[in-house]
Amino acid sequence: MRIYQTEISNAYIGLQVRKRRLQMGWTAHTLGKKSGLSQQQISRYERGTQNFTIHRLCIFANVLQCDLDYFLEQNSYKNLSLVNTNL
């Protein structure tokens, strides 16, 4: 059984969404069209200013063709310091 951290931040999840989007070679506009959101909404999610729901994470996982765990990696605290410098 995996144990998840209870304080994974929106900024970290947003960074993971952005990273996966870029791996797919997509713009924020493309991800928005595929997930039913505007480019501005995608930008807010990626910057961590929009709260993620489980429903939204499932949509992103399906559209970005990755497991839900991709957004919830256990080493998130190690990577959290990179969030502000990479955005």
Protein backbone atom coordinates (compact mmCIF):
# COMPACT_ATOMS: atom_id res chain seq x y z
CA MET A 1 0.00 0.00 0.00
CA ARG A 2 1.29 3.45 -0.90
CA ILE A 3 1.32 6.17 1.71
CA TYR A 4 0.64 9.63 0.30
CA GLN A 5 1.73 12.91 1.79
CA THR A 6 -1.22 14.88 3.04
CA GLU A 7 0.10 18.29 2.04
CA ILE A 8 0.88 18.09 -1.65
CA SER A 9 0.50 21.62 -2.93
CA ASN A 10 -1.44 22.95 -5.88
CA ALA A 11 1.84 24.45 -7.11
CA TYR A 12 3.49 21.03 -7.24
CA ILE A 13 0.55 19.40 -9.01
CA GLY A 14 0.42 22.31 -11.45
CA LEU A 15 4.10 21.85 -12.21
CA GLN A 16 3.45 18.18 -12.93
CA VAL A 17 0.57 19.06 -15.27
CA ARG A 18 2.79 21.54 -17.12
CA LYS A 19 5.67 19.07 -17.31
CA ARG A 20 3.44 16.35 -18.77
CA ARG A 21 1.79 18.78 -21.20
CA LEU A 22 5.20 19.80 -22.53
CA GLN A 23 6.24 16.14 -22.81
CA MET A 24 3.18 15.63 -25.01
CA GLY A 25 4.28 18.59 -27.15
CA TRP A 26 1.07 20.49 -26.45
CA THR A 27 0.34 24.15 -25.83
CA ALA A 28 -1.87 25.23 -22.94
CA HIS A 29 -4.53 25.98 -25.55
CA THR A 30 -4.38 22.38 -26.83
CA LEU A 31 -4.67 20.94 -23.32
CA GLY A 32 -7.57 23.28 -22.65
CA LYS A 33 -9.46 22.15 -25.73
CA LYS A 34 -8.90 18.48 -24.89
CA SER A 35 -9.96 18.93 -21.25
CA GLY A 36 -12.84 21.37 -21.76
CA LEU A 37 -11.07 24.37 -20.24
CA SER A 38 -9.80 27.70 -21.51
CA GLN A 39 -6.09 28.43 -21.92
CA GLN A 40 -6.43 30.89 -19.02
CA GLN A 41 -7.83 28.17 -16.75
CA ILE A 42 -4.99 25.82 -17.71
CA SER A 43 -2.54 28.59 -16.85
CA ARG A 44 -4.12 29.04 -13.41
CA TYR A 45 -3.91 25.30 -12.72
CA GLU A 46 -0.29 25.13 -13.87
CA ARG A 47 0.70 28.12 -11.71
CA GLY A 48 -1.00 26.56 -8.69
CA THR A 49 -3.48 29.40 -8.22
CA GLN A 50 -6.48 27.15 -8.96
CA ASN A 51 -7.39 24.37 -6.52
CA PHE A 52 -7.39 20.85 -7.95
CA THR A 53 -10.28 18.48 -7.34
CA ILE A 54 -10.07 14.72 -7.72
CA HIS A 55 -12.47 15.05 -10.65
CA ARG A 56 -10.17 17.55 -12.41
CA LEU A 57 -7.07 15.43 -11.70
CA CYS A 58 -8.80 12.42 -13.27
CA ILE A 59 -9.64 14.46 -16.37
CA PHE A 60 -6.02 15.64 -16.65
CA ALA A 61 -4.71 12.10 -16.15
CA ASN A 62 -6.98 10.77 -18.91
CA VAL A 63 -6.24 13.59 -21.35
CA LEU A 64 -2.49 13.57 -20.62
CA GLN A 65 -2.40 9.76 -20.81
CA CYS A 66 -0.75 9.20 -17.45
CA ASP A 67 -1.59 7.59 -14.13
CA LEU A 68 -3.16 9.68 -11.40
CA ASP A 69 -0.08 8.90 -9.30
CA TYR A 70 1.98 11.00 -11.70
CA PHE A 71 0.54 14.12 -10.06
CA LEU A 72 1.02 12.78 -6.51
CA GLU A 73 4.59 11.50 -6.48
CA GLN A 74 5.87 10.77 -3.01
CA ASN A 75 8.99 12.89 -3.42
CA SER A 76 6.92 16.05 -3.83
CA TYR A 77 8.57 17.87 -0.92
CA LYS A 78 11.97 17.40 -2.54
CA ASN A 79 10.65 18.92 -5.76
CA LEU A 80 8.59 21.65 -4.10
CA SER A 81 11.59 23.97 -3.88
CA LEU A 82 11.86 23.78 -7.68
CA VAL A 83 8.30 24.97 -8.23
CA ASN A 84 8.90 28.69 -7.73
CA THR A 85 12.05 28.73 -9.84
CA ASN A 86 10.54 26.78 -12.75
CA LEU A 87 7.29 28.72 -13.16
